[in-house]
Amino acid sequence: MQRTMNSAKVRVISCKAKPGYILWVKFDDGLEGEINVSNLVGQGVFKAWELVKFFESVKVDPESHTVCWGSQIDLDPYVIRDEIQETAKEKRDVL
């Protein structure tokens, strides 16, 4: 996935873990959507997600404004946003 550079700060305001390692995320500008992060499970720090309860403990970090699991794991909000936008575009193209 290619990250697009944007001068605007990307801020996650809400998130929720869903079955199948799907992550629902909402940004402060109203964009929201889901990303599938199952491809990361078991790799490096993401080995912790093998415990589903840990994956379900996702929250928004109040300082970095992105999704995190404890102080050890977080995801780049720009990458999350790009993924949500790409998924939305693909759905529109199918219709």
C-alpha atoms as a PDB file:
ATOM      1  CA  MET A   1       0.000   0.000   0.000  1.00  0.00           C
ATOM      2  CA  GLN A   2       1.310   3.427  -0.911  1.00  0.00           C
ATOM      3  CA  ARG A   3       1.040   6.125   1.724  1.00  0.00           C
ATOM      4  CA  THR A   4      -0.041   9.516   0.467  1.00  0.00           C
ATOM      5  CA  MET A   5       1.514  12.517   2.112  1.00  0.00           C
ATOM      6  CA  ASN A   6      -0.913  15.101   3.370  1.00  0.00           C
ATOM      7  CA  SER A   7      -0.237  18.119   5.527  1.00  0.00           C
ATOM      8  CA  ALA A   8      -3.426  17.558   7.531  1.00  0.00           C
ATOM      9  CA  LYS A   9      -3.052  15.660  10.786  1.00  0.00           C
ATOM     10  CA  VAL A  10      -4.947  12.375  10.725  1.00  0.00           C
ATOM     11  CA  ARG A  11      -6.763  11.660  13.983  1.00  0.00           C
ATOM     12  CA  VAL A  12      -8.617   8.504  14.928  1.00  0.00           C
ATOM     13  CA  ILE A  13     -11.487   9.241  17.315  1.00  0.00           C
ATOM     14  CA  SER A  14     -13.064   5.802  17.686  1.00  0.00           C
ATOM     15  CA  CYS A  15     -12.283   2.170  16.952  1.00  0.00           C
ATOM     16  CA  LYS A  16     -13.637  -1.310  17.554  1.00  0.00           C
ATOM     17  CA  ALA A  17     -12.337  -4.835  17.028  1.00  0.00           C
ATOM     18  CA  LYS A  18     -14.677  -7.081  15.057  1.00  0.00           C
ATOM     19  CA  PRO A  19     -14.587 -10.842  14.423  1.00  0.00           C
ATOM     20  CA  GLY A  20     -12.039 -12.134  11.930  1.00  0.00           C
ATOM     21  CA  TYR A  21      -9.435  -9.489  12.808  1.00  0.00           C
ATOM     22  CA  ILE A  22     -11.458  -6.721  11.256  1.00  0.00           C
ATOM     23  CA  LEU A  23     -10.858  -3.277  12.711  1.00  0.00           C
ATOM     24  CA  TRP A  24     -13.513  -0.550  12.437  1.00  0.00           C
ATOM     25  CA  VAL A  25     -12.047   2.951  12.666  1.00  0.00           C
ATOM     26  CA  LYS A  26     -13.554   6.457  12.624  1.00  0.00           C
ATOM     27  CA  PHE A  27     -11.575   9.627  11.965  1.00  0.00           C
ATOM     28  CA  ASP A  28     -12.265  13.149  13.233  1.00  0.00           C
ATOM     29  CA  ASP A  29     -13.314  14.318   9.746  1.00  0.00           C
ATOM     30  CA  GLY A  30     -16.122  11.734   9.651  1.00  0.00           C
ATOM     31  CA  LEU A  31     -14.416   9.111   7.476  1.00  0.00           C
ATOM     32  CA  GLU A  32     -15.025   5.652   8.852  1.00  0.00           C
ATOM     33  CA  GLY A  33     -14.616   2.117   7.677  1.00  0.00           C
ATOM     34  CA  GLU A  34     -13.123  -1.282   8.248  1.00  0.00           C
ATOM     35  CA  ILE A  35      -9.766  -2.836   7.518  1.00  0.00           C
ATOM     36  CA  ASN A  36      -8.762  -6.456   7.654  1.00  0.00           C
ATOM     37  CA  VAL A  37      -5.555  -6.902   9.630  1.00  0.00           C
ATOM     38  CA  SER A  38      -5.621 -10.721   9.770  1.00  0.00           C
ATOM     39  CA  ASN A  39      -2.481 -10.870   7.587  1.00  0.00           C
ATOM     40  CA  LEU A  40      -0.502  -9.381  10.510  1.00  0.00           C
ATOM     41  CA  VAL A  41      -1.575 -11.930  13.151  1.00  0.00           C
ATOM     42  CA  GLY A  42       1.373 -13.943  14.448  1.00  0.00           C
ATOM     43  CA  GLN A  43       4.050 -11.722  12.896  1.00  0.00           C
ATOM     44  CA  GLY A  44       6.483  -9.970  15.239  1.00  0.00           C
ATOM     45  CA  VAL A  45       4.670  -7.862  17.840  1.00  0.00           C
ATOM     46  CA  PHE A  46       1.363  -8.917  16.275  1.00  0.00           C
ATOM     47  CA  LYS A  47       1.856 -12.405  17.747  1.00  0.00           C
ATOM     48  CA  ALA A  48       0.018 -10.963  20.759  1.00  0.00           C
ATOM     49  CA  TRP A  49      -3.135 -10.808  18.608  1.00  0.00           C
ATOM     50  CA  GLU A  50      -3.263 -14.614  18.619  1.00  0.00           C
ATOM     51  CA  LEU A  51      -5.033 -14.026  21.925  1.00  0.00           C
ATOM     52  CA  VAL A  52      -8.332 -12.689  20.583  1.00  0.00           C
ATOM     53  CA  LYS A  53      -9.053 -10.954  23.886  1.00  0.00           C
ATOM     54  CA  PHE A  54      -5.910  -8.901  23.408  1.00  0.00           C
ATOM     55  CA  PHE A  55      -6.919  -7.929  19.865  1.00  0.00           C
ATOM     56  CA  GLU A  56     -10.321  -6.907  21.231  1.00  0.00           C
ATOM     57  CA  SER A  57      -8.629  -4.557  23.733  1.00  0.00           C
ATOM     58  CA  VAL A  58      -7.905  -2.007  20.960  1.00  0.00           C
ATOM     59  CA  LYS A  59      -8.309   1.651  21.918  1.00  0.00           C
ATOM     60  CA  VAL A  60      -7.462   5.127  20.663  1.00  0.00           C
ATOM     61  CA  ASP A  61      -4.203   6.509  22.013  1.00  0.00           C
ATOM     62  CA  PRO A  62      -4.947  10.015  23.356  1.00  0.00           C
ATOM     63  CA  GLU A  63      -1.518  11.352  22.357  1.00  0.00           C
ATOM     64  CA  SER A  64      -0.897   9.838  18.916  1.00  0.00           C
ATOM     65  CA  HIS A  65      -4.588   9.706  17.922  1.00  0.00           C
ATOM     66  CA  THR A  66      -4.287   6.251  16.410  1.00  0.00           C
ATOM     67  CA  VAL A  67      -5.359   2.739  17.332  1.00  0.00           C
ATOM     68  CA  CYS A  68      -3.230   0.919  19.854  1.00  0.00           C
ATOM     69  CA  TRP A  69      -3.006  -2.131  22.024  1.00  0.00           C
ATOM     70  CA  GLY A  70      -1.302  -1.238  25.284  1.00  0.00           C
ATOM     71  CA  SER A  71       1.946   0.652  24.845  1.00  0.00           C
ATOM     72  CA  GLN A  72       3.554  -1.946  22.578  1.00  0.00           C
ATOM     73  CA  ILE A  73       1.455  -1.989  19.404  1.00  0.00           C
ATOM     74  CA  ASP A  74      -0.022   0.786  17.289  1.00  0.00           C
ATOM     75  CA  LEU A  75      -0.884   1.269  13.627  1.00  0.00           C
ATOM     76  CA  ASP A  76      -0.047   4.249  11.439  1.00  0.00           C
ATOM     77  CA  PRO A  77      -3.247   6.320  11.084  1.00  0.00           C
ATOM     78  CA  TYR A  78      -2.260   7.416   7.556  1.00  0.00           C
ATOM     79  CA  VAL A  79      -1.965   3.790   6.434  1.00  0.00           C
ATOM     80  CA  ILE A  80      -5.318   2.935   8.055  1.00  0.00           C
ATOM     81  CA  ARG A  81      -6.963   5.888   6.330  1.00  0.00           C
ATOM     82  CA  ASP A  82      -5.463   4.983   2.936  1.00  0.00           C
ATOM     83  CA  GLU A  83      -6.662   1.390   3.326  1.00  0.00           C
ATOM     84  CA  ILE A  84     -10.221   2.490   4.197  1.00  0.00           C
ATOM     85  CA  GLN A  85     -10.317   4.874   1.245  1.00  0.00           C
ATOM     86  CA  GLU A  86      -8.973   2.217  -1.135  1.00  0.00           C
ATOM     87  CA  THR A  87     -11.561  -0.323   0.063  1.00  0.00           C
ATOM     88  CA  ALA A  88     -14.350   2.229  -0.411  1.00  0.00           C
ATOM     89  CA  LYS A  89     -13.080   2.983  -3.938  1.00  0.00           C
ATOM     90  CA  GLU A  90     -12.995  -0.715  -4.828  1.00  0.00           C
ATOM     91  CA  LYS A  91     -16.586  -1.143  -3.599  1.00  0.00           C
ATOM     92  CA  ARG A  92     -17.713   1.829  -5.705  1.00  0.00           C
ATOM     93  CA  ASP A  93     -15.947   0.427  -8.765  1.00  0.00           C
ATOM     94  CA  VAL A  94     -17.798  -2.890  -8.392  1.00  0.00           C
ATOM     95  CA  LEU A  95     -21.159  -1.134  -8.385  1.00  0.00           C
END
